[in-house]
């Protein structure tokens, strides 16, 4: 039997109502009023990973970890990586300097101390970090011991289609993007969000597998609430309702298809493996999607 290809499995550890910057859902003090489902969804996720001997990187919201510390211990006890997703799940690009320091560094250091863990990576909520901001804080990131980011998504709505689609380097920081492909000339999120859940299953499986073969790289990005099709519906409309709820009943079945065919691994473990290979990462630079092998 041929050896399975690897995929970087990343899980944004959020509850079902965590909408960025939309009150009251963005207010930590209001969270208990919505009814938490993070325990059942975390354990459902862990059970699925355990079934397939899969490992993942969990990007954790600090304020949610404070409310459910036992879940953080359970995640770590099963061998999964803990990474940083901000203190309160606010988007980062428009924050004041003081608020950014709290979301990015101060909250991270409290999290590290409380859970005695070596956090090496981070992802901004809703992919809201920018390349200039990363470059501005290169020295601080190195001092903090962070080695990678996974926030710069090559997608128009929440990033830039000209961002690289495979690992690159910004100073000493490795940038690990979720897998994006071109769908009839439009960048499609086949590895994340509504695209993974709602686009035709054959297309999601085919394009992700094809990308992995040609680039020796594949990253999936999901949330525990995406394995919970019976969750309550928030009173939001239009595009937000679609992106949050479309195809929820497909998530677990599709994820299991990938876990059966790929060996899921966390980001830090994957990067450690790369150190043993003669590969090097090119410098991060904007480029045309045509330059990427799909």
C-alpha atoms as a PDB file:
ATOM      1  CA  UNK A   1       0.000   0.000   0.000  1.00  0.00           C
ATOM      2  CA  UNK A   2       1.368   3.396  -0.939  1.00  0.00           C
ATOM      3  CA  UNK A   3       2.058   5.887   1.799  1.00  0.00           C
ATOM      4  CA  UNK A   4      -0.685   8.431   2.400  1.00  0.00           C
ATOM      5  CA  UNK A   5      -0.077  12.024   1.466  1.00  0.00           C
ATOM      6  CA  UNK A   6      -0.186  14.418   4.365  1.00  0.00           C
ATOM      7  CA  UNK A   7      -2.592  17.263   4.927  1.00  0.00           C
ATOM      8  CA  UNK A   8      -2.277  20.093   7.398  1.00  0.00           C
ATOM      9  CA  UNK A   9      -5.528  19.990   9.351  1.00  0.00           C
ATOM     10  CA  UNK A  10      -6.357  23.243  11.109  1.00  0.00           C
ATOM     11  CA  UNK A  11      -9.332  23.850  13.394  1.00  0.00           C
ATOM     12  CA  UNK A  12     -10.433  27.324  14.427  1.00  0.00           C
ATOM     13  CA  UNK A  13     -11.714  26.589  17.930  1.00  0.00           C
ATOM     14  CA  UNK A  14     -14.876  28.682  18.052  1.00  0.00           C
ATOM     15  CA  UNK A  15     -18.466  28.248  19.170  1.00  0.00           C
ATOM     16  CA  UNK A  16     -21.510  28.376  16.908  1.00  0.00           C
ATOM     17  CA  UNK A  17     -22.289  32.065  17.539  1.00  0.00           C
ATOM     18  CA  UNK A  18     -18.795  33.500  17.098  1.00  0.00           C
ATOM     19  CA  UNK A  19     -19.357  36.104  14.411  1.00  0.00           C
ATOM     20  CA  UNK A  20     -16.550  38.636  14.187  1.00  0.00           C
ATOM     21  CA  UNK A  21     -17.314  42.223  15.223  1.00  0.00           C
ATOM     22  CA  UNK A  22     -21.110  41.786  15.229  1.00  0.00           C
ATOM     23  CA  UNK A  23     -22.760  42.641  18.529  1.00  0.00           C
ATOM     24  CA  UNK A  24     -23.953  41.059  20.730  1.00  0.00           C
ATOM     25  CA  UNK A  25     -22.147  37.942  19.470  1.00  0.00           C
ATOM     26  CA  UNK A  26     -18.739  39.608  19.701  1.00  0.00           C
ATOM     27  CA  UNK A  27     -19.220  40.598  23.371  1.00  0.00           C
ATOM     28  CA  UNK A  28     -17.556  38.119  25.724  1.00  0.00           C
ATOM     29  CA  UNK A  29     -19.946  39.008  28.541  1.00  0.00           C
ATOM     30  CA  UNK A  30     -22.886  38.046  26.316  1.00  0.00           C
ATOM     31  CA  UNK A  31     -21.541  34.649  25.243  1.00  0.00           C
ATOM     32  CA  UNK A  32     -23.210  32.622  28.037  1.00  0.00           C
ATOM     33  CA  UNK A  33     -26.642  33.919  27.000  1.00  0.00           C
ATOM     34  CA  UNK A  34     -26.498  32.101  23.645  1.00  0.00           C
ATOM     35  CA  UNK A  35     -26.008  28.598  25.034  1.00  0.00           C
ATOM     36  CA  UNK A  36     -22.570  27.070  24.543  1.00  0.00           C
ATOM     37  CA  UNK A  37     -22.184  24.063  22.274  1.00  0.00           C
ATOM     38  CA  UNK A  38     -18.381  24.035  22.315  1.00  0.00           C
ATOM     39  CA  UNK A  39     -18.107  21.003  24.610  1.00  0.00           C
ATOM     40  CA  UNK A  40     -20.163  18.629  22.498  1.00  0.00           C
ATOM     41  CA  UNK A  41     -18.644  19.907  19.271  1.00  0.00           C
ATOM     42  CA  UNK A  42     -15.060  19.710  20.540  1.00  0.00           C
ATOM     43  CA  UNK A  43     -15.571  16.146  21.701  1.00  0.00           C
ATOM     44  CA  UNK A  44     -17.280  15.217  18.433  1.00  0.00           C
ATOM     45  CA  UNK A  45     -14.259  16.604  16.582  1.00  0.00           C
ATOM     46  CA  UNK A  46     -11.778  14.826  18.833  1.00  0.00           C
ATOM     47  CA  UNK A  47     -13.609  11.514  18.437  1.00  0.00           C
ATOM     48  CA  UNK A  48     -13.453  11.799  14.642  1.00  0.00           C
ATOM     49  CA  UNK A  49      -9.739  12.573  14.731  1.00  0.00           C
ATOM     50  CA  UNK A  50      -9.101   9.722  17.145  1.00  0.00           C
ATOM     51  CA  UNK A  51     -10.966   7.299  14.862  1.00  0.00           C
ATOM     52  CA  UNK A  52      -8.588   8.080  12.005  1.00  0.00           C
ATOM     53  CA  UNK A  53      -5.382   8.512  14.014  1.00  0.00           C
ATOM     54  CA  UNK A  54      -5.380  12.113  12.812  1.00  0.00           C
ATOM     55  CA  UNK A  55      -3.798  15.156  14.400  1.00  0.00           C
ATOM     56  CA  UNK A  56      -4.566  18.819  13.971  1.00  0.00           C
ATOM     57  CA  UNK A  57      -3.655  22.347  14.982  1.00  0.00           C
ATOM     58  CA  UNK A  58      -6.361  23.998  17.084  1.00  0.00           C
ATOM     59  CA  UNK A  59      -6.309  27.798  16.803  1.00  0.00           C
ATOM     60  CA  UNK A  60      -7.748  28.770  20.180  1.00  0.00           C
ATOM     61  CA  UNK A  61      -9.699  31.858  21.274  1.00  0.00           C
ATOM     62  CA  UNK A  62      -8.226  32.902  24.629  1.00  0.00           C
ATOM     63  CA  UNK A  63     -11.465  34.093  26.248  1.00  0.00           C
ATOM     64  CA  UNK A  64     -13.207  30.837  25.301  1.00  0.00           C
ATOM     65  CA  UNK A  65     -10.306  28.840  26.727  1.00  0.00           C
ATOM     66  CA  UNK A  66     -10.728  30.705  30.029  1.00  0.00           C
ATOM     67  CA  UNK A  67     -14.342  29.498  30.156  1.00  0.00           C
ATOM     68  CA  UNK A  68     -13.564  25.894  29.170  1.00  0.00           C
ATOM     69  CA  UNK A  69     -10.008  25.112  30.331  1.00  0.00           C
ATOM     70  CA  UNK A  70     -10.778  21.388  30.635  1.00  0.00           C
ATOM     71  CA  UNK A  71     -11.358  21.234  26.867  1.00  0.00           C
ATOM     72  CA  UNK A  72      -7.947  22.756  26.214  1.00  0.00           C
ATOM     73  CA  UNK A  73      -6.401  20.067  28.405  1.00  0.00           C
ATOM     74  CA  UNK A  74      -8.359  17.380  26.523  1.00  0.00           C
ATOM     75  CA  UNK A  75      -7.198  18.690  23.146  1.00  0.00           C
ATOM     76  CA  UNK A  76      -3.561  18.749  24.260  1.00  0.00           C
ATOM     77  CA  UNK A  77      -3.806  15.341  25.953  1.00  0.00           C
ATOM     78  CA  UNK A  78      -4.759  13.770  22.615  1.00  0.00           C
ATOM     79  CA  UNK A  79      -1.606  15.110  20.991  1.00  0.00           C
ATOM     80  CA  UNK A  80      -3.012  18.056  19.057  1.00  0.00           C
ATOM     81  CA  UNK A  81      -1.196  21.351  18.677  1.00  0.00           C
ATOM     82  CA  UNK A  82      -2.462  24.482  20.430  1.00  0.00           C
ATOM     83  CA  UNK A  83      -2.048  27.702  18.452  1.00  0.00           C
ATOM     84  CA  UNK A  84      -3.401  31.225  18.853  1.00  0.00           C
ATOM     85  CA  UNK A  85      -6.598  32.729  17.425  1.00  0.00           C
ATOM     86  CA  UNK A  86      -6.733  35.956  19.414  1.00  0.00           C
ATOM     87  CA  UNK A  87      -8.147  36.866  22.806  1.00  0.00           C
ATOM     88  CA  UNK A  88     -11.762  37.669  21.949  1.00  0.00           C
ATOM     89  CA  UNK A  89     -12.252  36.850  18.244  1.00  0.00           C
ATOM     90  CA  UNK A  90     -12.250  40.422  16.964  1.00  0.00           C
ATOM     91  CA  UNK A  91     -10.796  40.999  13.517  1.00  0.00           C
ATOM     92  CA  UNK A  92      -7.278  42.404  13.709  1.00  0.00           C
ATOM     93  CA  UNK A  93      -6.777  44.657  10.709  1.00  0.00           C
ATOM     94  CA  UNK A  94      -8.678  47.667  12.109  1.00  0.00           C
ATOM     95  CA  UNK A  95      -7.681  47.472  15.789  1.00  0.00           C
ATOM     96  CA  UNK A  96      -5.966  50.262  17.677  1.00  0.00           C
ATOM     97  CA  UNK A  97      -2.379  49.527  18.657  1.00  0.00           C
ATOM     98  CA  UNK A  98      -3.374  48.930  22.284  1.00  0.00           C
ATOM     99  CA  UNK A  99      -6.197  46.564  21.362  1.00  0.00           C
ATOM    100  CA  UNK A 100      -3.993  44.731  18.859  1.00  0.00           C
ATOM    101  CA  UNK A 101      -1.333  44.140  21.511  1.00  0.00           C
ATOM    102  CA  UNK A 102      -3.981  42.611  23.768  1.00  0.00           C
ATOM    103  CA  UNK A 103      -5.444  40.388  21.062  1.00  0.00           C
ATOM    104  CA  UNK A 104      -2.105  39.271  19.682  1.00  0.00           C
ATOM    105  CA  UNK A 105       0.567  39.214  22.386  1.00  0.00           C
ATOM    106  CA  UNK A 106      -0.705  39.939  25.896  1.00  0.00           C
ATOM    107  CA  UNK A 107      -3.545  37.429  25.655  1.00  0.00           C
ATOM    108  CA  UNK A 108      -1.167  34.903  24.092  1.00  0.00           C
ATOM    109  CA  UNK A 109       1.277  35.157  26.976  1.00  0.00           C
ATOM    110  CA  UNK A 110      -1.515  34.664  29.526  1.00  0.00           C
ATOM    111  CA  UNK A 111      -2.673  31.619  27.582  1.00  0.00           C
ATOM    112  CA  UNK A 112       0.839  30.158  27.485  1.00  0.00           C
ATOM    113  CA  UNK A 113       1.291  30.624  31.213  1.00  0.00           C
ATOM    114  CA  UNK A 114      -2.104  29.217  32.151  1.00  0.00           C
ATOM    115  CA  UNK A 115      -1.811  26.091  30.015  1.00  0.00           C
ATOM    116  CA  UNK A 116       1.974  25.723  30.075  1.00  0.00           C
ATOM    117  CA  UNK A 117       2.158  25.234  26.327  1.00  0.00           C
ATOM    118  CA  UNK A 118       4.607  26.213  23.631  1.00  0.00           C
ATOM    119  CA  UNK A 119       2.537  28.138  21.103  1.00  0.00           C
ATOM    120  CA  UNK A 120       4.375  28.502  17.793  1.00  0.00           C
ATOM    121  CA  UNK A 121       1.673  29.715  15.418  1.00  0.00           C
ATOM    122  CA  UNK A 122      -1.362  31.938  15.053  1.00  0.00           C
ATOM    123  CA  UNK A 123      -4.252  32.764  12.785  1.00  0.00           C
ATOM    124  CA  UNK A 124      -6.161  36.021  12.901  1.00  0.00           C
ATOM    125  CA  UNK A 125      -9.964  35.741  13.198  1.00  0.00           C
ATOM    126  CA  UNK A 126     -11.663  35.853   9.800  1.00  0.00           C
ATOM    127  CA  UNK A 127      -8.233  35.944   8.111  1.00  0.00           C
ATOM    128  CA  UNK A 128      -7.983  39.612   9.084  1.00  0.00           C
ATOM    129  CA  UNK A 129      -4.225  39.996   9.416  1.00  0.00           C
ATOM    130  CA  UNK A 130      -2.387  41.869   6.668  1.00  0.00           C
ATOM    131  CA  UNK A 131       1.031  41.403   5.111  1.00  0.00           C
ATOM    132  CA  UNK A 132       2.215  44.915   6.145  1.00  0.00           C
ATOM    133  CA  UNK A 133       1.216  44.224   9.753  1.00  0.00           C
ATOM    134  CA  UNK A 134       3.153  40.972   9.762  1.00  0.00           C
ATOM    135  CA  UNK A 135       6.230  42.710   8.386  1.00  0.00           C
ATOM    136  CA  UNK A 136       5.898  45.522  10.931  1.00  0.00           C
ATOM    137  CA  UNK A 137       5.982  43.063  13.834  1.00  0.00           C
ATOM    138  CA  UNK A 138       8.628  40.650  12.514  1.00  0.00           C
ATOM    139  CA  UNK A 139      11.063  41.298  15.343  1.00  0.00           C
ATOM    140  CA  UNK A 140       8.403  41.054  18.034  1.00  0.00           C
ATOM    141  CA  UNK A 141       7.129  37.789  16.585  1.00  0.00           C
ATOM    142  CA  UNK A 142      10.625  36.306  16.649  1.00  0.00           C
ATOM    143  CA  UNK A 143      11.111  37.446  20.257  1.00  0.00           C
ATOM    144  CA  UNK A 144       7.827  35.772  21.192  1.00  0.00           C
ATOM    145  CA  UNK A 145       9.033  32.473  19.740  1.00  0.00           C
ATOM    146  CA  UNK A 146       6.373  32.299  17.037  1.00  0.00           C
ATOM    147  CA  UNK A 147       7.462  30.440  13.918  1.00  0.00           C
ATOM    148  CA  UNK A 148       4.477  30.514  11.559  1.00  0.00           C
ATOM    149  CA  UNK A 149       1.288  32.335  10.613  1.00  0.00           C
ATOM    150  CA  UNK A 150      -1.772  31.042   8.776  1.00  0.00           C
ATOM    151  CA  UNK A 151      -3.788  34.227   8.217  1.00  0.00           C
ATOM    152  CA  UNK A 152      -3.035  35.395   4.677  1.00  0.00           C
ATOM    153  CA  UNK A 153      -5.642  33.623   2.587  1.00  0.00           C
ATOM    154  CA  UNK A 154      -5.421  33.909  -1.228  1.00  0.00           C
ATOM    155  CA  UNK A 155      -9.102  34.790  -1.566  1.00  0.00           C
ATOM    156  CA  UNK A 156     -10.604  38.128  -2.580  1.00  0.00           C
ATOM    157  CA  UNK A 157     -13.275  38.600   0.102  1.00  0.00           C
ATOM    158  CA  UNK A 158     -11.029  37.989   3.117  1.00  0.00           C
ATOM    159  CA  UNK A 159      -7.547  38.316   1.649  1.00  0.00           C
ATOM    160  CA  UNK A 160      -5.937  38.777  -1.746  1.00  0.00           C
ATOM    161  CA  UNK A 161      -6.058  36.413  -4.728  1.00  0.00           C
ATOM    162  CA  UNK A 162      -2.439  37.332  -5.480  1.00  0.00           C
ATOM    163  CA  UNK A 163      -1.199  35.916  -2.165  1.00  0.00           C
ATOM    164  CA  UNK A 164       0.897  32.735  -2.570  1.00  0.00           C
ATOM    165  CA  UNK A 165      -0.991  29.442  -2.379  1.00  0.00           C
ATOM    166  CA  UNK A 166       1.884  27.399  -0.995  1.00  0.00           C
ATOM    167  CA  UNK A 167       4.230  28.033   1.964  1.00  0.00           C
ATOM    168  CA  UNK A 168       6.439  31.111   1.832  1.00  0.00           C
ATOM    169  CA  UNK A 169       8.506  33.124   4.278  1.00  0.00           C
ATOM    170  CA  UNK A 170       8.127  36.613   5.720  1.00  0.00           C
ATOM    171  CA  UNK A 171      11.394  37.228   7.513  1.00  0.00           C
ATOM    172  CA  UNK A 172      11.775  34.354   9.992  1.00  0.00           C
ATOM    173  CA  UNK A 173       8.060  33.584   9.862  1.00  0.00           C
ATOM    174  CA  UNK A 174       6.651  30.831   7.618  1.00  0.00           C
ATOM    175  CA  UNK A 175       3.291  31.638   6.039  1.00  0.00           C
ATOM    176  CA  UNK A 176       0.963  28.627   5.665  1.00  0.00           C
ATOM    177  CA  UNK A 177      -2.129  29.344   3.543  1.00  0.00           C
ATOM    178  CA  UNK A 178      -5.321  27.287   3.306  1.00  0.00           C
ATOM    179  CA  UNK A 179      -5.711  25.631  -0.062  1.00  0.00           C
ATOM    180  CA  UNK A 180      -7.449  27.799  -2.667  1.00  0.00           C
ATOM    181  CA  UNK A 181      -8.017  26.803  -6.290  1.00  0.00           C
ATOM    182  CA  UNK A 182      -9.524  28.516  -9.316  1.00  0.00           C
ATOM    183  CA  UNK A 183     -13.154  27.663 -10.107  1.00  0.00           C
ATOM    184  CA  UNK A 184     -14.190  28.905 -13.582  1.00  0.00           C
ATOM    185  CA  UNK A 185     -11.700  31.740 -13.280  1.00  0.00           C
ATOM    186  CA  UNK A 186     -12.674  32.613  -9.692  1.00  0.00           C
ATOM    187  CA  UNK A 187     -10.663  31.692  -6.593  1.00  0.00           C
ATOM    188  CA  UNK A 188     -12.682  29.088  -4.686  1.00  0.00           C
ATOM    189  CA  UNK A 189     -12.248  28.071  -0.997  1.00  0.00           C
ATOM    190  CA  UNK A 190     -12.425  24.318  -1.563  1.00  0.00           C
ATOM    191  CA  UNK A 191     -10.551  23.642   1.684  1.00  0.00           C
ATOM    192  CA  UNK A 192     -12.457  25.944   4.044  1.00  0.00           C
ATOM    193  CA  UNK A 193     -15.741  27.569   5.014  1.00  0.00           C
ATOM    194  CA  UNK A 194     -18.752  27.425   2.704  1.00  0.00           C
ATOM    195  CA  UNK A 195     -16.679  26.187  -0.217  1.00  0.00           C
ATOM    196  CA  UNK A 196     -15.655  22.975   1.509  1.00  0.00           C
ATOM    197  CA  UNK A 197     -19.235  22.360   2.662  1.00  0.00           C
ATOM    198  CA  UNK A 198     -21.353  23.596  -0.241  1.00  0.00           C
ATOM    199  CA  UNK A 199     -19.485  23.214  -3.531  1.00  0.00           C
ATOM    200  CA  UNK A 200     -20.098  19.876  -5.288  1.00  0.00           C
ATOM    201  CA  UNK A 201     -18.481  17.082  -3.335  1.00  0.00           C
ATOM    202  CA  UNK A 202     -16.716  15.585  -6.360  1.00  0.00           C
ATOM    203  CA  UNK A 203     -15.176  18.970  -7.118  1.00  0.00           C
ATOM    204  CA  UNK A 204     -13.989  19.578  -3.548  1.00  0.00           C
ATOM    205  CA  UNK A 205     -12.389  16.133  -3.387  1.00  0.00           C
ATOM    206  CA  UNK A 206     -10.891  16.271  -6.873  1.00  0.00           C
ATOM    207  CA  UNK A 207      -9.431  19.766  -6.683  1.00  0.00           C
ATOM    208  CA  UNK A 208      -7.947  19.365  -3.198  1.00  0.00           C
ATOM    209  CA  UNK A 209      -6.425  16.015  -4.144  1.00  0.00           C
ATOM    210  CA  UNK A 210      -5.082  17.418  -7.416  1.00  0.00           C
ATOM    211  CA  UNK A 211      -3.561  20.405  -5.633  1.00  0.00           C
ATOM    212  CA  UNK A 212      -1.893  18.094  -3.091  1.00  0.00           C
ATOM    213  CA  UNK A 213      -0.330  15.960  -5.836  1.00  0.00           C
ATOM    214  CA  UNK A 214       1.045  18.896  -7.807  1.00  0.00           C
ATOM    215  CA  UNK A 215       2.243  21.031  -4.883  1.00  0.00           C
ATOM    216  CA  UNK A 216       3.045  18.453  -2.170  1.00  0.00           C
ATOM    217  CA  UNK A 217       0.943  20.604   0.134  1.00  0.00           C
ATOM    218  CA  UNK A 218      -2.657  20.668   1.322  1.00  0.00           C
ATOM    219  CA  UNK A 219      -4.309  22.551   4.184  1.00  0.00           C
ATOM    220  CA  UNK A 220      -7.895  22.211   5.378  1.00  0.00           C
ATOM    221  CA  UNK A 221      -9.454  24.761   7.745  1.00  0.00           C
ATOM    222  CA  UNK A 222     -12.657  23.933   9.640  1.00  0.00           C
ATOM    223  CA  UNK A 223     -14.517  24.818  12.859  1.00  0.00           C
ATOM    224  CA  UNK A 224     -16.051  22.452  15.440  1.00  0.00           C
ATOM    225  CA  UNK A 225     -19.470  24.061  14.842  1.00  0.00           C
ATOM    226  CA  UNK A 226     -19.320  22.948  11.206  1.00  0.00           C
ATOM    227  CA  UNK A 227     -19.791  19.370  12.466  1.00  0.00           C
ATOM    228  CA  UNK A 228     -23.024  20.452  14.190  1.00  0.00           C
ATOM    229  CA  UNK A 229     -25.810  20.742  11.589  1.00  0.00           C
ATOM    230  CA  UNK A 230     -28.494  20.940  14.302  1.00  0.00           C
ATOM    231  CA  UNK A 231     -27.159  24.129  15.867  1.00  0.00           C
ATOM    232  CA  UNK A 232     -29.585  27.062  16.327  1.00  0.00           C
ATOM    233  CA  UNK A 233     -29.818  29.620  13.528  1.00  0.00           C
ATOM    234  CA  UNK A 234     -28.673  33.163  14.213  1.00  0.00           C
ATOM    235  CA  UNK A 235     -30.889  36.010  12.960  1.00  0.00           C
ATOM    236  CA  UNK A 236     -28.505  37.089  10.212  1.00  0.00           C
ATOM    237  CA  UNK A 237     -29.312  37.336   6.536  1.00  0.00           C
ATOM    238  CA  UNK A 238     -27.886  37.399   3.066  1.00  0.00           C
ATOM    239  CA  UNK A 239     -24.322  36.360   2.466  1.00  0.00           C
ATOM    240  CA  UNK A 240     -23.528  35.866   6.152  1.00  0.00           C
ATOM    241  CA  UNK A 241     -26.352  33.368   6.578  1.00  0.00           C
ATOM    242  CA  UNK A 242     -25.161  31.474   3.502  1.00  0.00           C
ATOM    243  CA  UNK A 243     -21.490  31.327   4.488  1.00  0.00           C
ATOM    244  CA  UNK A 244     -22.355  30.213   8.022  1.00  0.00           C
ATOM    245  CA  UNK A 245     -24.989  27.565   7.299  1.00  0.00           C
ATOM    246  CA  UNK A 246     -24.731  26.364   3.689  1.00  0.00           C
ATOM    247  CA  UNK A 247     -23.895  22.674   3.453  1.00  0.00           C
ATOM    248  CA  UNK A 248     -23.442  22.019   7.177  1.00  0.00           C
ATOM    249  CA  UNK A 249     -24.714  18.467   6.807  1.00  0.00           C
ATOM    250  CA  UNK A 250     -21.891  17.734   4.369  1.00  0.00           C
ATOM    251  CA  UNK A 251     -18.976  18.733   6.623  1.00  0.00           C
ATOM    252  CA  UNK A 252     -18.422  15.605   8.676  1.00  0.00           C
ATOM    253  CA  UNK A 253     -18.833  13.217   5.746  1.00  0.00           C
ATOM    254  CA  UNK A 254     -16.436  15.206   3.574  1.00  0.00           C
ATOM    255  CA  UNK A 255     -13.882  15.618   6.334  1.00  0.00           C
ATOM    256  CA  UNK A 256     -13.964  11.892   6.985  1.00  0.00           C
ATOM    257  CA  UNK A 257     -13.320  11.238   3.274  1.00  0.00           C
ATOM    258  CA  UNK A 258     -10.090  13.237   3.545  1.00  0.00           C
ATOM    259  CA  UNK A 259      -9.067  11.632   6.849  1.00  0.00           C
ATOM    260  CA  UNK A 260      -9.424   8.202   5.244  1.00  0.00           C
ATOM    261  CA  UNK A 261      -7.163   9.119   2.323  1.00  0.00           C
ATOM    262  CA  UNK A 262      -4.655  11.540   3.844  1.00  0.00           C
ATOM    263  CA  UNK A 263      -2.630  11.529   7.039  1.00  0.00           C
ATOM    264  CA  UNK A 264      -3.686  14.618   8.959  1.00  0.00           C
ATOM    265  CA  UNK A 265      -0.923  16.436  10.814  1.00  0.00           C
ATOM    266  CA  UNK A 266      -0.590  19.708  12.721  1.00  0.00           C
ATOM    267  CA  UNK A 267       1.304  22.725  11.407  1.00  0.00           C
ATOM    268  CA  UNK A 268       4.297  22.581  13.756  1.00  0.00           C
ATOM    269  CA  UNK A 269       4.778  18.856  13.230  1.00  0.00           C
ATOM    270  CA  UNK A 270       4.683  19.393   9.454  1.00  0.00           C
ATOM    271  CA  UNK A 271       7.214  22.226   9.677  1.00  0.00           C
ATOM    272  CA  UNK A 272       9.498  20.051  11.822  1.00  0.00           C
ATOM    273  CA  UNK A 273       9.453  17.429   9.074  1.00  0.00           C
ATOM    274  CA  UNK A 274      10.398  20.007   6.475  1.00  0.00           C
ATOM    275  CA  UNK A 275      13.571  20.827   8.416  1.00  0.00           C
ATOM    276  CA  UNK A 276      14.813  17.350   7.569  1.00  0.00           C
ATOM    277  CA  UNK A 277      14.331  17.958   3.845  1.00  0.00           C
ATOM    278  CA  UNK A 278      16.439  20.156   1.547  1.00  0.00           C
ATOM    279  CA  UNK A 279      13.377  22.305   0.770  1.00  0.00           C
ATOM    280  CA  UNK A 280      13.361  26.022   1.392  1.00  0.00           C
ATOM    281  CA  UNK A 281      10.526  28.521   1.328  1.00  0.00           C
ATOM    282  CA  UNK A 282      10.572  31.403  -1.147  1.00  0.00           C
ATOM    283  CA  UNK A 283      10.039  34.932   0.093  1.00  0.00           C
ATOM    284  CA  UNK A 284       6.425  35.991   0.274  1.00  0.00           C
ATOM    285  CA  UNK A 285       5.519  37.996  -2.839  1.00  0.00           C
ATOM    286  CA  UNK A 286       2.299  38.865  -4.609  1.00  0.00           C
ATOM    287  CA  UNK A 287       1.843  36.870  -7.775  1.00  0.00           C
ATOM    288  CA  UNK A 288      -0.713  35.855 -10.332  1.00  0.00           C
ATOM    289  CA  UNK A 289      -2.739  32.730  -9.559  1.00  0.00           C
ATOM    290  CA  UNK A 290      -1.616  31.492 -12.980  1.00  0.00           C
ATOM    291  CA  UNK A 291       1.822  30.979 -11.487  1.00  0.00           C
ATOM    292  CA  UNK A 292       0.458  28.369  -9.074  1.00  0.00           C
ATOM    293  CA  UNK A 293       0.182  24.751 -10.120  1.00  0.00           C
ATOM    294  CA  UNK A 294      -3.366  23.515  -9.624  1.00  0.00           C
END
